[in-house]
N, C-alpha and C. Protein backbone atom coordinates (compact mmCIF):
# COMPACT_ATOMS: atom_id res chain seq x y z
N UNK A 1 84.92 123.63 95.53
CA UNK A 1 85.48 122.40 96.25
C UNK A 1 86.31 122.75 97.38
N UNK A 2 86.05 121.95 98.50
CA UNK A 2 86.90 122.06 99.61
C UNK A 2 88.42 121.53 99.46
N UNK A 3 89.24 122.13 100.11
CA UNK A 3 90.60 121.53 99.89
C UNK A 3 90.94 120.27 100.82
N UNK A 4 91.54 119.25 100.11
CA UNK A 4 91.86 118.19 100.91
C UNK A 4 93.01 118.20 101.81
N UNK A 5 93.56 119.61 102.18
CA UNK A 5 94.70 119.56 103.13
C UNK A 5 94.20 119.27 104.77
N UNK A 6 93.07 119.66 105.06
CA UNK A 6 92.37 119.77 106.51
C UNK A 6 92.28 118.32 106.83
N UNK A 7 91.83 117.56 105.74
CA UNK A 7 91.72 116.13 106.06
C UNK A 7 93.09 115.28 106.16
N UNK A 8 93.97 115.69 105.38
CA UNK A 8 95.45 115.44 105.24
C UNK A 8 96.09 115.62 106.56
N UNK A 9 95.85 116.98 107.22
CA UNK A 9 96.57 117.29 108.46
C UNK A 9 95.89 116.40 109.80
N UNK A 10 94.40 116.26 109.44
CA UNK A 10 94.06 115.57 110.60
C UNK A 10 94.66 114.17 110.15
N UNK A 11 94.77 113.22 109.54
CA UNK A 11 95.13 111.99 109.21
C UNK A 11 96.68 112.16 109.93
N UNK A 12 97.20 112.85 109.71
CA UNK A 12 98.99 112.83 110.19
C UNK A 12 98.84 112.86 111.57
N UNK A 13 97.96 113.51 112.25
CA UNK A 13 97.76 113.59 113.93
C UNK A 13 97.29 112.47 114.43
N UNK A 14 96.35 112.04 113.66
CA UNK A 14 95.93 110.59 113.67
C UNK A 14 97.14 109.66 114.12
N UNK A 15 97.64 109.79 112.68
CA UNK A 15 98.87 108.47 112.61
C UNK A 15 100.06 108.74 113.50
N UNK A 16 100.24 110.19 113.85
CA UNK A 16 101.36 110.25 114.75
C UNK A 16 100.94 109.88 116.17
N UNK A 17 99.63 109.84 116.71
CA UNK A 17 99.02 109.72 118.06
C UNK A 17 99.09 108.08 117.89
N UNK A 18 98.86 107.54 116.88
CA UNK A 18 99.00 106.03 116.79
C UNK A 18 100.31 105.34 116.86
N UNK A 19 101.08 105.87 116.06
CA UNK A 19 102.44 105.21 115.70
C UNK A 19 103.77 105.92 116.34
N UNK A 20 103.50 107.19 116.89
CA UNK A 20 104.75 107.95 117.51
C UNK A 20 105.12 109.09 116.17
N UNK A 21 106.19 109.79 116.32
CA UNK A 21 106.50 110.87 115.51
C UNK A 21 107.77 110.57 115.18
N UNK A 22 108.29 109.24 114.79
CA UNK A 22 109.05 108.94 113.99
C UNK A 22 108.90 108.32 112.69
N UNK A 23 109.91 108.14 112.02
CA UNK A 23 109.56 107.36 110.45
C UNK A 23 109.53 105.83 110.76
N UNK A 24 108.41 105.10 110.27
CA UNK A 24 107.97 103.71 110.40
C UNK A 24 109.11 102.90 110.01
N UNK A 25 110.09 103.62 109.11
CA UNK A 25 111.07 102.60 108.54
C UNK A 25 112.53 102.88 108.94
N UNK A 26 113.03 104.02 108.89
CA UNK A 26 114.36 104.42 109.34
C UNK A 26 114.36 105.00 110.90
N UNK A 27 113.32 105.08 111.76
CA UNK A 27 113.24 105.66 113.03
C UNK A 27 113.71 107.12 113.29
N UNK A 28 114.08 107.73 112.35
CA UNK A 28 114.34 108.89 112.48
C UNK A 28 113.24 109.94 113.01
N UNK A 29 113.45 110.72 113.98
CA UNK A 29 112.18 111.55 114.65
C UNK A 29 111.96 112.80 113.62
N UNK A 30 110.70 113.13 113.43
CA UNK A 30 110.31 114.00 112.56
C UNK A 30 110.36 115.25 113.21
N UNK A 31 110.93 116.62 112.57
CA UNK A 31 111.16 117.64 112.86
C UNK A 31 111.13 118.66 111.85
N UNK A 32 111.97 119.68 112.26
CA UNK A 32 112.08 120.70 110.93
C UNK A 32 113.12 120.13 109.71
N UNK A 33 113.86 119.38 110.18
CA UNK A 33 114.82 118.87 108.93
C UNK A 33 114.23 117.45 108.29
N UNK A 34 113.31 116.67 109.02
CA UNK A 34 112.92 115.38 108.87
C UNK A 34 111.35 115.39 108.64
N UNK A 35 110.73 115.75 107.49
CA UNK A 35 109.50 115.84 107.11
C UNK A 35 108.71 114.58 107.09
N UNK A 36 107.38 114.61 107.77
CA UNK A 36 106.67 113.69 107.98
C UNK A 36 105.90 113.51 106.69
N UNK A 37 105.52 112.17 105.97
CA UNK A 37 104.77 112.18 104.72
C UNK A 37 103.92 110.89 105.30
N UNK A 38 102.54 110.66 104.36
CA UNK A 38 101.49 109.67 104.72
C UNK A 38 102.20 108.57 103.83
N UNK A 39 102.48 107.61 103.93
CA UNK A 39 102.41 106.35 102.74
C UNK A 39 101.62 105.17 103.37
N UNK A 40 101.01 104.67 102.17
CA UNK A 40 100.29 103.38 102.32
C UNK A 40 101.25 102.25 102.14
N UNK A 41 100.85 101.31 103.25
CA UNK A 41 101.70 100.04 103.36
C UNK A 41 101.56 99.13 102.20
N UNK A 42 100.26 99.20 101.73
CA UNK A 42 100.07 98.23 100.32
C UNK A 42 99.65 99.61 99.59
N UNK A 43 100.55 99.75 98.66
CA UNK A 43 100.65 101.01 97.83
C UNK A 43 99.12 101.01 97.06
N UNK A 44 98.56 102.38 96.92
CA UNK A 44 97.30 102.59 96.28
C UNK A 44 97.34 101.96 94.65
N UNK A 45 98.66 101.98 93.84
CA UNK A 45 98.69 101.52 92.73
C UNK A 45 98.57 100.03 92.84
N UNK A 46 98.54 99.50 93.69
CA UNK A 46 98.58 98.00 93.91
C UNK A 46 97.33 97.37 94.62
N UNK A 47 96.42 98.68 94.66
CA UNK A 47 94.78 97.82 95.31
C UNK A 47 94.99 98.49 96.66
N UNK A 48 95.92 99.09 97.41
CA UNK A 48 95.51 99.55 98.72
C UNK A 48 94.82 100.70 99.06
N UNK A 49 93.89 100.49 100.02
CA UNK A 49 92.97 101.43 100.18
C UNK A 49 93.55 102.45 100.98
N UNK A 50 92.78 103.81 100.99
CA UNK A 50 93.08 104.99 101.67
C UNK A 50 92.70 105.05 102.85
N UNK A 51 92.77 104.03 103.91
CA UNK A 51 92.49 103.86 105.14
C UNK A 51 93.63 104.07 105.96
N UNK A 52 93.00 104.74 107.25
CA UNK A 52 94.07 104.87 108.42
C UNK A 52 94.82 103.50 108.77
N UNK A 53 94.21 102.25 108.73
CA UNK A 53 94.55 101.04 108.91
C UNK A 53 95.83 100.67 107.70
N UNK A 54 95.91 101.35 106.68
CA UNK A 54 96.69 100.75 105.74
C UNK A 54 97.96 102.45 105.25
N UNK A 55 97.66 103.03 106.20
CA UNK A 55 98.67 104.17 106.26
C UNK A 55 99.60 104.27 107.76
N UNK A 56 101.03 105.05 107.18
CA UNK A 56 102.01 104.97 107.96
C UNK A 56 102.65 106.48 108.24
N UNK A 57 103.27 107.04 108.80
CA UNK A 57 104.38 108.26 108.82
C UNK A 57 105.35 107.63 108.30
N UNK A 58 106.11 108.11 107.36
CA UNK A 58 107.44 107.91 106.77
C UNK A 58 108.05 109.07 106.65
N UNK A 59 109.28 109.24 106.44
CA UNK A 59 110.13 110.41 106.14
C UNK A 59 110.03 110.67 104.71
N UNK A 60 110.23 111.66 104.12
CA UNK A 60 110.54 112.09 102.80
C UNK A 60 111.40 110.88 101.72
N UNK A 61 112.74 111.04 102.57
CA UNK A 61 113.50 110.37 101.87
C UNK A 61 113.13 108.41 101.93
N UNK A 62 112.73 108.01 103.07
CA UNK A 62 112.39 106.61 102.88
C UNK A 62 110.89 106.33 102.15
N UNK A 63 110.32 107.54 102.08
CA UNK A 63 108.77 107.39 101.24
C UNK A 63 109.17 107.07 99.60
N UNK A 64 110.25 108.15 99.43
CA UNK A 64 110.60 108.12 97.89
C UNK A 64 111.42 106.80 97.39
N UNK A 65 112.49 106.39 98.77
CA UNK A 65 113.00 105.37 98.19
C UNK A 65 112.02 103.73 97.95
N UNK A 66 111.07 103.60 98.88
CA UNK A 66 110.28 102.78 98.71
C UNK A 66 109.56 102.96 97.29
N UNK A 67 109.04 103.85 96.99
CA UNK A 67 108.15 103.94 95.41
C UNK A 67 107.11 103.19 95.90
N UNK A 68 106.89 102.29 94.93
CA UNK A 68 105.38 101.32 94.97
C UNK A 68 105.66 100.13 95.57
N UNK A 69 106.74 99.87 96.25
CA UNK A 69 106.82 98.49 96.98
C UNK A 69 105.85 98.29 98.01
N UNK A 70 105.64 97.06 98.32
CA UNK A 70 105.17 96.75 99.56
C UNK A 70 106.08 96.23 100.47
N UNK A 71 105.74 96.05 101.82
CA UNK A 71 107.09 96.25 102.93
C UNK A 71 107.78 94.90 102.67
N UNK A 72 107.11 93.69 101.80
CA UNK A 72 107.83 92.68 101.90
C UNK A 72 108.52 92.67 100.36
N UNK A 73 108.54 93.44 99.76
CA UNK A 73 109.24 93.76 98.53
C UNK A 73 110.97 94.06 98.78
């Protein structure tokens, strides 16, 4: 079975090209001290799909603080 890492890396590149290299929530630029994570706008546990249209890049801190909340919660 192939590792999902290449697909995950490719998705991050596509998301960065679309949205820029900053956290969607706090605006901090990504770099060695601020790592990018892929976050679902509508969380998967609430029925959100794993499509690029439902994904954004967020820093680990913001992603962790949001948990499974949608942007309006």
